[in-house]
Amino acid sequence: MSVGTLYVYDEIINFLTSQPSVEEIVEFKLSSAGKLRIRQLVEKQRRGIIHESEQVELDEFIRVEGFLRKLKVRAQRRLNTLYM
């Protein structure tokens, strides 16, 4: 696992362990640095110059992003239930 992946994982883990509210979960976004790293990896992949370790990093991010999307959907459902 590369430093970039660890950074993105750390950012997400730090957020989740900060006991965020349901609203904060719905609103969570990666930092500018995290977004930049992902954009760089996607661009390298698009150009066909991505290294194997970078591809693993990108694949892992895509997996984690799927988890976050599911988490946000469930958090939004909970909010909708609370405010009905």
PDB file of N, CA and C in Angstrom:
ATOM      1  N   MET A   1       0.853  -1.176   0.000  1.00  0.00           N
ATOM      2  CA  MET A   1       0.000   0.000   0.000  1.00  0.00           C
ATOM      3  C   MET A   1       0.896   1.235   0.000  1.00  0.00           C
ATOM      4  N   SER A   2       0.570   2.198  -0.823  1.00  0.00           N
ATOM      5  CA  SER A   2       1.426   3.375  -0.961  1.00  0.00           C
ATOM      6  C   SER A   2       1.060   4.457   0.055  1.00  0.00           C
ATOM      7  N   VAL A   3       1.904   5.470   0.090  1.00  0.00           N
ATOM      8  CA  VAL A   3       1.665   6.595   0.999  1.00  0.00           C
ATOM      9  C   VAL A   3       0.356   7.287   0.659  1.00  0.00           C
ATOM     10  N   GLY A   4       0.056   7.426  -0.653  1.00  0.00           N
ATOM     11  CA  GLY A   4      -1.192   8.061  -1.063  1.00  0.00           C
ATOM     12  C   GLY A   4      -2.398   7.341  -0.511  1.00  0.00           C
ATOM     13  N   THR A   5      -2.394   6.026  -0.601  1.00  0.00           N
ATOM     14  CA  THR A   5      -3.505   5.236  -0.083  1.00  0.00           C
ATOM     15  C   THR A   5      -3.616   5.400   1.422  1.00  0.00           C
ATOM     16  N   LEU A   6      -2.491   5.335   2.107  1.00  0.00           N
ATOM     17  CA  LEU A   6      -2.518   5.504   3.551  1.00  0.00           C
ATOM     18  C   LEU A   6      -3.091   6.861   3.922  1.00  0.00           C
ATOM     19  N   TYR A   7      -2.735   7.885   3.168  1.00  0.00           N
ATOM     20  CA  TYR A   7      -3.246   9.215   3.459  1.00  0.00           C
ATOM     21  C   TYR A   7      -4.767   9.248   3.318  1.00  0.00           C
ATOM     22  N   VAL A   8      -5.280   8.696   2.214  1.00  0.00           N
ATOM     23  CA  VAL A   8      -6.720   8.704   2.002  1.00  0.00           C
ATOM     24  C   VAL A   8      -7.405   7.859   3.073  1.00  0.00           C
ATOM     25  N   TYR A   9      -6.848   6.669   3.368  1.00  0.00           N
ATOM     26  CA  TYR A   9      -7.408   5.840   4.439  1.00  0.00           C
ATOM     27  C   TYR A   9      -7.372   6.572   5.767  1.00  0.00           C
ATOM     28  N   ASP A  10      -6.241   7.190   6.085  1.00  0.00           N
ATOM     29  CA  ASP A  10      -6.122   7.929   7.344  1.00  0.00           C
ATOM     30  C   ASP A  10      -7.163   9.034   7.430  1.00  0.00           C
ATOM     31  N   GLU A  11      -7.352   9.728   6.344  1.00  0.00           N
ATOM     32  CA  GLU A  11      -8.328  10.816   6.330  1.00  0.00           C
ATOM     33  C   GLU A  11      -9.729  10.278   6.628  1.00  0.00           C
ATOM     34  N   ILE A  12     -10.075   9.176   5.998  1.00  0.00           N
ATOM     35  CA  ILE A  12     -11.396   8.588   6.196  1.00  0.00           C
ATOM     36  C   ILE A  12     -11.536   8.009   7.603  1.00  0.00           C
ATOM     37  N   ILE A  13     -10.529   7.296   8.061  1.00  0.00           N
ATOM     38  CA  ILE A  13     -10.559   6.710   9.408  1.00  0.00           C
ATOM     39  C   ILE A  13     -10.629   7.802  10.467  1.00  0.00           C
ATOM     40  N   ASN A  14      -9.840   8.845  10.307  1.00  0.00           N
ATOM     41  CA  ASN A  14      -9.877   9.953  11.266  1.00  0.00           C
ATOM     42  C   ASN A  14     -11.271  10.574  11.325  1.00  0.00           C
ATOM     43  N   PHE A  15     -11.888  10.721  10.173  1.00  0.00           N
ATOM     44  CA  PHE A  15     -13.246  11.273  10.146  1.00  0.00           C
ATOM     45  C   PHE A  15     -14.222  10.348  10.874  1.00  0.00           C
ATOM     46  N   LEU A  16     -14.202   9.069  10.527  1.00  0.00           N
ATOM     47  CA  LEU A  16     -15.163   8.131  11.113  1.00  0.00           C
ATOM     48  C   LEU A  16     -14.964   7.937  12.603  1.00  0.00           C
ATOM     49  N   THR A  17     -13.740   8.025  13.073  1.00  0.00           N
ATOM     50  CA  THR A  17     -13.484   7.851  14.503  1.00  0.00           C
ATOM     51  C   THR A  17     -13.674   9.143  15.299  1.00  0.00           C
ATOM     52  N   SER A  18     -14.008  10.211  14.612  1.00  0.00           N
ATOM     53  CA  SER A  18     -14.272  11.480  15.310  1.00  0.00           C
ATOM     54  C   SER A  18     -15.716  11.566  15.799  1.00  0.00           C
ATOM     55  N   GLN A  19     -16.459  10.453  15.655  1.00  0.00           N
ATOM     56  CA  GLN A  19     -17.858  10.380  16.048  1.00  0.00           C
ATOM     57  C   GLN A  19     -18.697  11.446  15.332  1.00  0.00           C
ATOM     58  N   PRO A  20     -18.666  11.417  14.001  1.00  0.00           N
ATOM     59  CA  PRO A  20     -19.422  12.434  13.256  1.00  0.00           C
ATOM     60  C   PRO A  20     -20.924  12.256  13.413  1.00  0.00           C
ATOM     61  N   SER A  21     -21.622  13.340  13.290  1.00  0.00           N
ATOM     62  CA  SER A  21     -23.085  13.286  13.297  1.00  0.00           C
ATOM     63  C   SER A  21     -23.551  12.705  11.961  1.00  0.00           C
ATOM     64  N   VAL A  22     -24.811  12.358  11.904  1.00  0.00           N
ATOM     65  CA  VAL A  22     -25.379  11.842  10.653  1.00  0.00           C
ATOM     66  C   VAL A  22     -25.249  12.905   9.562  1.00  0.00           C
ATOM     67  N   GLU A  23     -25.475  14.145   9.914  1.00  0.00           N
ATOM     68  CA  GLU A  23     -25.347  15.242   8.958  1.00  0.00           C
ATOM     69  C   GLU A  23     -23.916  15.351   8.429  1.00  0.00           C
ATOM     70  N   GLU A  24     -22.944  15.212   9.319  1.00  0.00           N
ATOM     71  CA  GLU A  24     -21.537  15.298   8.903  1.00  0.00           C
ATOM     72  C   GLU A  24     -21.158  14.143   7.978  1.00  0.00           C
ATOM     73  N   ILE A  25     -21.731  12.976   8.211  1.00  0.00           N
ATOM     74  CA  ILE A  25     -21.466  11.839   7.328  1.00  0.00           C
ATOM     75  C   ILE A  25     -21.981  12.143   5.926  1.00  0.00           C
ATOM     76  N   VAL A  26     -23.185  12.653   5.853  1.00  0.00           N
ATOM     77  CA  VAL A  26     -23.779  12.985   4.552  1.00  0.00           C
ATOM     78  C   VAL A  26     -22.920  14.020   3.820  1.00  0.00           C
ATOM     79  N   GLU A  27     -22.372  14.976   4.549  1.00  0.00           N
ATOM     80  CA  GLU A  27     -21.621  16.073   3.948  1.00  0.00           C
ATOM     81  C   GLU A  27     -20.130  15.784   3.739  1.00  0.00           C
ATOM     82  N   PHE A  28     -19.640  14.652   4.227  1.00  0.00           N
ATOM     83  CA  PHE A  28     -18.202  14.360   4.160  1.00  0.00           C
ATOM     84  C   PHE A  28     -17.675  14.372   2.735  1.00  0.00           C
ATOM     85  N   LYS A  29     -16.519  15.020   2.576  1.00  0.00           N
ATOM     86  CA  LYS A  29     -15.803  15.042   1.305  1.00  0.00           C
ATOM     87  C   LYS A  29     -14.317  14.918   1.606  1.00  0.00           C
ATOM     88  N   LEU A  30     -13.596  14.283   0.686  1.00  0.00           N
ATOM     89  CA  LEU A  30     -12.149  14.208   0.832  1.00  0.00           C
ATOM     90  C   LEU A  30     -11.548  15.601   0.789  1.00  0.00           C
ATOM     91  N   SER A  31     -10.390  15.745   1.382  1.00  0.00           N
ATOM     92  CA  SER A  31      -9.674  17.009   1.332  1.00  0.00           C
ATOM     93  C   SER A  31      -9.218  17.288  -0.098  1.00  0.00           C
ATOM     94  N   SER A  32      -8.776  18.484  -0.337  1.00  0.00           N
ATOM     95  CA  SER A  32      -8.240  18.854  -1.653  1.00  0.00           C
ATOM     96  C   SER A  32      -7.054  17.970  -2.028  1.00  0.00           C
ATOM     97  N   ALA A  33      -6.202  17.669  -1.062  1.00  0.00           N
ATOM     98  CA  ALA A  33      -5.039  16.810  -1.328  1.00  0.00           C
ATOM     99  C   ALA A  33      -5.473  15.401  -1.710  1.00  0.00           C
ATOM    100  N   GLY A  34      -6.470  14.865  -1.025  1.00  0.00           N
ATOM    101  CA  GLY A  34      -6.979  13.536  -1.347  1.00  0.00           C
ATOM    102  C   GLY A  34      -7.590  13.496  -2.735  1.00  0.00           C
ATOM    103  N   LYS A  35      -8.380  14.523  -3.071  1.00  0.00           N
ATOM    104  CA  LYS A  35      -8.994  14.605  -4.400  1.00  0.00           C
ATOM    105  C   LYS A  35      -7.933  14.730  -5.480  1.00  0.00           C
ATOM    106  N   LEU A  36      -6.907  15.524  -5.218  1.00  0.00           N
ATOM    107  CA  LEU A  36      -5.827  15.693  -6.191  1.00  0.00           C
ATOM    108  C   LEU A  36      -5.127  14.372  -6.466  1.00  0.00           C
ATOM    109  N   ARG A  37      -4.826  13.615  -5.419  1.00  0.00           N
ATOM    110  CA  ARG A  37      -4.150  12.325  -5.594  1.00  0.00           C
ATOM    111  C   ARG A  37      -4.977  11.388  -6.465  1.00  0.00           C
ATOM    112  N   ILE A  38      -6.271  11.338  -6.226  1.00  0.00           N
ATOM    113  CA  ILE A  38      -7.136  10.467  -7.010  1.00  0.00           C
ATOM    114  C   ILE A  38      -7.178  10.938  -8.460  1.00  0.00           C
ATOM    115  N   ARG A  39      -7.272  12.244  -8.672  1.00  0.00           N
ATOM    116  CA  ARG A  39      -7.263  12.774 -10.046  1.00  0.00           C
ATOM    117  C   ARG A  39      -5.972  12.409 -10.768  1.00  0.00           C
ATOM    118  N   GLN A  40      -4.843  12.483 -10.051  1.00  0.00           N
ATOM    119  CA  GLN A  40      -3.558  12.126 -10.654  1.00  0.00           C
ATOM    120  C   GLN A  40      -3.550  10.659 -11.072  1.00  0.00           C
ATOM    121  N   LEU A  41      -4.046   9.799 -10.219  1.00  0.00           N
ATOM    122  CA  LEU A  41      -4.077   8.367 -10.532  1.00  0.00           C
ATOM    123  C   LEU A  41      -4.991   8.076 -11.718  1.00  0.00           C
ATOM    124  N   VAL A  42      -6.148   8.704 -11.745  1.00  0.00           N
ATOM    125  CA  VAL A  42      -7.084   8.501 -12.847  1.00  0.00           C
ATOM    126  C   VAL A  42      -6.454   8.979 -14.156  1.00  0.00           C
ATOM    127  N   GLU A  43      -5.771  10.095 -14.126  1.00  0.00           N
ATOM    128  CA  GLU A  43      -5.119  10.619 -15.325  1.00  0.00           C
ATOM    129  C   GLU A  43      -4.006   9.685 -15.804  1.00  0.00           C
ATOM    130  N   LYS A  44      -3.205   9.167 -14.886  1.00  0.00           N
ATOM    131  CA  LYS A  44      -2.167   8.211 -15.258  1.00  0.00           C
ATOM    132  C   LYS A  44      -2.775   6.961 -15.880  1.00  0.00           C
ATOM    133  N   GLN A  45      -3.866   6.509 -15.313  1.00  0.00           N
ATOM    134  CA  GLN A  45      -4.540   5.325 -15.851  1.00  0.00           C
ATOM    135  C   GLN A  45      -5.059   5.621 -17.256  1.00  0.00           C
ATOM    136  N   ARG A  46      -5.671   6.767 -17.430  1.00  0.00           N
ATOM    137  CA  ARG A  46      -6.214   7.166 -18.729  1.00  0.00           C
ATOM    138  C   ARG A  46      -5.127   7.215 -19.793  1.00  0.00           C
ATOM    139  N   ARG A  47      -3.941   7.702 -19.399  1.00  0.00           N
ATOM    140  CA  ARG A  47      -2.823   7.832 -20.339  1.00  0.00           C
ATOM    141  C   ARG A  47      -2.040   6.531 -20.505  1.00  0.00           C
ATOM    142  N   GLY A  48      -2.376   5.538 -19.697  1.00  0.00           N
ATOM    143  CA  GLY A  48      -1.708   4.248 -19.806  1.00  0.00           C
ATOM    144  C   GLY A  48      -0.315   4.219 -19.216  1.00  0.00           C
ATOM    145  N   ILE A  49      -0.050   5.124 -18.264  1.00  0.00           N
ATOM    146  CA  ILE A  49       1.290   5.187 -17.657  1.00  0.00           C
ATOM    147  C   ILE A  49       1.253   4.922 -16.152  1.00  0.00           C
ATOM    148  N   ILE A  50       0.187   4.312 -15.707  1.00  0.00           N
ATOM    149  CA  ILE A  50       0.051   4.050 -14.275  1.00  0.00           C
ATOM    150  C   ILE A  50       0.892   2.831 -13.886  1.00  0.00           C
ATOM    151  N   HIS A  51       1.613   2.951 -12.795  1.00  0.00           N
ATOM    152  CA  HIS A  51       2.405   1.827 -12.283  1.00  0.00           C
ATOM    153  C   HIS A  51       1.482   0.847 -11.563  1.00  0.00           C
ATOM    154  N   GLU A  52       1.945  -0.381 -11.415  1.00  0.00           N
ATOM    155  CA  GLU A  52       1.133  -1.415 -10.769  1.00  0.00           C
ATOM    156  C   GLU A  52       0.710  -1.005  -9.359  1.00  0.00           C
ATOM    157  N   SER A  53       1.635  -0.453  -8.584  1.00  0.00           N
ATOM    158  CA  SER A  53       1.303  -0.048  -7.213  1.00  0.00           C
ATOM    159  C   SER A  53       0.281   1.087  -7.204  1.00  0.00           C
ATOM    160  N   GLU A  54       0.355   1.966  -8.192  1.00  0.00           N
ATOM    161  CA  GLU A  54      -0.616   3.057  -8.279  1.00  0.00           C
ATOM    162  C   GLU A  54      -1.986   2.525  -8.679  1.00  0.00           C
ATOM    163  N   GLN A  55      -2.005   1.506  -9.540  1.00  0.00           N
ATOM    164  CA  GLN A  55      -3.276   0.904  -9.928  1.00  0.00           C
ATOM    165  C   GLN A  55      -3.940   0.237  -8.724  1.00  0.00           C
ATOM    166  N   VAL A  56      -3.131  -0.416  -7.896  1.00  0.00           N
ATOM    167  CA  VAL A  56      -3.656  -1.022  -6.662  1.00  0.00           C
ATOM    168  C   VAL A  56      -4.237   0.077  -5.771  1.00  0.00           C
ATOM    169  N   GLU A  57      -3.521   1.172  -5.655  1.00  0.00           N
ATOM    170  CA  GLU A  57      -3.987   2.301  -4.844  1.00  0.00           C
ATOM    171  C   GLU A  57      -5.321   2.825  -5.366  1.00  0.00           C
ATOM    172  N   LEU A  58      -5.422   2.998  -6.676  1.00  0.00           N
ATOM    173  CA  LEU A  58      -6.660   3.497  -7.278  1.00  0.00           C
ATOM    174  C   LEU A  58      -7.796   2.502  -7.076  1.00  0.00           C
ATOM    175  N   ASP A  59      -7.519   1.226  -7.283  1.00  0.00           N
ATOM    176  CA  ASP A  59      -8.543   0.197  -7.076  1.00  0.00           C
ATOM    177  C   ASP A  59      -9.044   0.192  -5.635  1.00  0.00           C
ATOM    178  N   GLU A  60      -8.137   0.342  -4.684  1.00  0.00           N
ATOM    179  CA  GLU A  60      -8.520   0.377  -3.269  1.00  0.00           C
ATOM    180  C   GLU A  60      -9.370   1.608  -2.978  1.00  0.00           C
ATOM    181  N   PHE A  61      -8.997   2.739  -3.558  1.00  0.00           N
ATOM    182  CA  PHE A  61      -9.799   3.937  -3.341  1.00  0.00           C
ATOM    183  C   PHE A  61     -11.207   3.738  -3.882  1.00  0.00           C
ATOM    184  N   ILE A  62     -11.313   3.142  -5.063  1.00  0.00           N
ATOM    185  CA  ILE A  62     -12.633   2.905  -5.661  1.00  0.00           C
ATOM    186  C   ILE A  62     -13.472   2.025  -4.736  1.00  0.00           C
ATOM    187  N   ARG A  63     -12.843   1.027  -4.125  1.00  0.00           N
ATOM    188  CA  ARG A  63     -13.549   0.149  -3.190  1.00  0.00           C
ATOM    189  C   ARG A  63     -14.021   0.939  -1.956  1.00  0.00           C
ATOM    190  N   VAL A  64     -13.149   1.754  -1.413  1.00  0.00           N
ATOM    191  CA  VAL A  64     -13.491   2.555  -0.235  1.00  0.00           C
ATOM    192  C   VAL A  64     -14.559   3.589  -0.593  1.00  0.00           C
ATOM    193  N   GLU A  65     -14.466   4.158  -1.783  1.00  0.00           N
ATOM    194  CA  GLU A  65     -15.462   5.137  -2.211  1.00  0.00           C
ATOM    195  C   GLU A  65     -16.850   4.491  -2.279  1.00  0.00           C
ATOM    196  N   GLY A  66     -16.908   3.242  -2.721  1.00  0.00           N
ATOM    197  CA  GLY A  66     -18.185   2.525  -2.747  1.00  0.00           C
ATOM    198  C   GLY A  66     -18.769   2.383  -1.348  1.00  0.00           C
ATOM    199  N   PHE A  67     -17.904   2.057  -0.380  1.00  0.00           N
ATOM    200  CA  PHE A  67     -18.338   1.965   1.014  1.00  0.00           C
ATOM    201  C   PHE A  67     -18.884   3.312   1.493  1.00  0.00           C
ATOM    202  N   LEU A  68     -18.156   4.390   1.190  1.00  0.00           N
ATOM    203  CA  LEU A  68     -18.583   5.719   1.633  1.00  0.00           C
ATOM    204  C   LEU A  68     -19.920   6.119   1.016  1.00  0.00           C
ATOM    205  N   ARG A  69     -20.105   5.778  -0.241  1.00  0.00           N
ATOM    206  CA  ARG A  69     -21.386   6.103  -0.891  1.00  0.00           C
ATOM    207  C   ARG A  69     -22.538   5.386  -0.185  1.00  0.00           C
ATOM    208  N   LYS A  70     -22.352   4.098   0.129  1.00  0.00           N
ATOM    209  CA  LYS A  70     -23.389   3.346   0.840  1.00  0.00           C
ATOM    210  C   LYS A  70     -23.646   3.949   2.215  1.00  0.00           C
ATOM    211  N   LEU A  71     -22.571   4.318   2.895  1.00  0.00           N
ATOM    212  CA  LEU A  71     -22.697   4.932   4.213  1.00  0.00           C
ATOM    213  C   LEU A  71     -23.481   6.239   4.127  1.00  0.00           C
ATOM    214  N   LYS A  72     -23.195   7.046   3.140  1.00  0.00           N
ATOM    215  CA  LYS A  72     -23.886   8.319   2.971  1.00  0.00           C
ATOM    216  C   LYS A  72     -25.363   8.123   2.647  1.00  0.00           C
ATOM    217  N   VAL A  73     -25.666   7.125   1.819  1.00  0.00           N
ATOM    218  CA  VAL A  73     -27.067   6.837   1.478  1.00  0.00           C
ATOM    219  C   VAL A  73     -27.842   6.446   2.731  1.00  0.00           C
ATOM    220  N   ARG A  74     -27.264   5.567   3.529  1.00  0.00           N
ATOM    221  CA  ARG A  74     -27.942   5.155   4.762  1.00  0.00           C
ATOM    222  C   ARG A  74     -28.083   6.312   5.742  1.00  0.00           C
ATOM    223  N   ALA A  75     -27.051   7.145   5.820  1.00  0.00           N
ATOM    224  CA  ALA A  75     -27.125   8.310   6.708  1.00  0.00           C
ATOM    225  C   ALA A  75     -28.214   9.262   6.229  1.00  0.00           C
ATOM    226  N   GLN A  76     -28.317   9.453   4.916  1.00  0.00           N
ATOM    227  CA  GLN A  76     -29.359  10.335   4.380  1.00  0.00           C
ATOM    228  C   GLN A  76     -30.744   9.766   4.655  1.00  0.00           C
ATOM    229  N   ARG A  77     -30.897   8.458   4.530  1.00  0.00           N
ATOM    230  CA  ARG A  77     -32.188   7.831   4.855  1.00  0.00           C
ATOM    231  C   ARG A  77     -32.550   8.067   6.311  1.00  0.00           C
ATOM    232  N   ARG A  78     -31.544   7.955   7.159  1.00  0.00           N
ATOM    233  CA  ARG A  78     -31.800   8.184   8.591  1.00  0.00           C
ATOM    234  C   ARG A  78     -32.232   9.623   8.830  1.00  0.00           C
ATOM    235  N   LEU A  79     -31.562  10.555   8.175  1.00  0.00           N
ATOM    236  CA  LEU A  79     -31.957  11.956   8.309  1.00  0.00           C
ATOM    237  C   LEU A  79     -33.379  12.166   7.824  1.00  0.00           C
ATOM    238  N   ASN A  80     -33.697  11.564   6.704  1.00  0.00           N
ATOM    239  CA  ASN A  80     -35.058  11.718   6.158  1.00  0.00           C
ATOM    240  C   ASN A  80     -36.093  11.192   7.142  1.00  0.00           C
ATOM    241  N   THR A  81     -35.783  10.085   7.818  1.00  0.00           N
ATOM    242  CA  THR A  81     -36.678   9.500   8.816  1.00  0.00           C
ATOM    243  C   THR A  81     -36.816  10.417  10.031  1.00  0.00           C
ATOM    244  N   LEU A  82     -35.698  10.986  10.450  1.00  0.00           N
ATOM    245  CA  LEU A  82     -35.721  11.858  11.635  1.00  0.00           C
ATOM    246  C   LEU A  82     -36.518  13.140  11.392  1.00  0.00           C
ATOM    247  N   TYR A  83     -36.511  13.635  10.168  1.00  0.00           N
ATOM    248  CA  TYR A  83     -37.143  14.933   9.886  1.00  0.00           C
ATOM    249  C   TYR A  83     -38.480  14.799   9.187  1.00  0.00           C
ATOM    250  N   MET A  84     -39.073  13.620   9.237  1.00  0.00           N
ATOM    251  CA  MET A  84     -40.401  13.431   8.626  1.00  0.00           C
ATOM    252  C   MET A  84     -41.475  13.804   9.609  1.00  0.00           C
TER     253      MET A  84
END
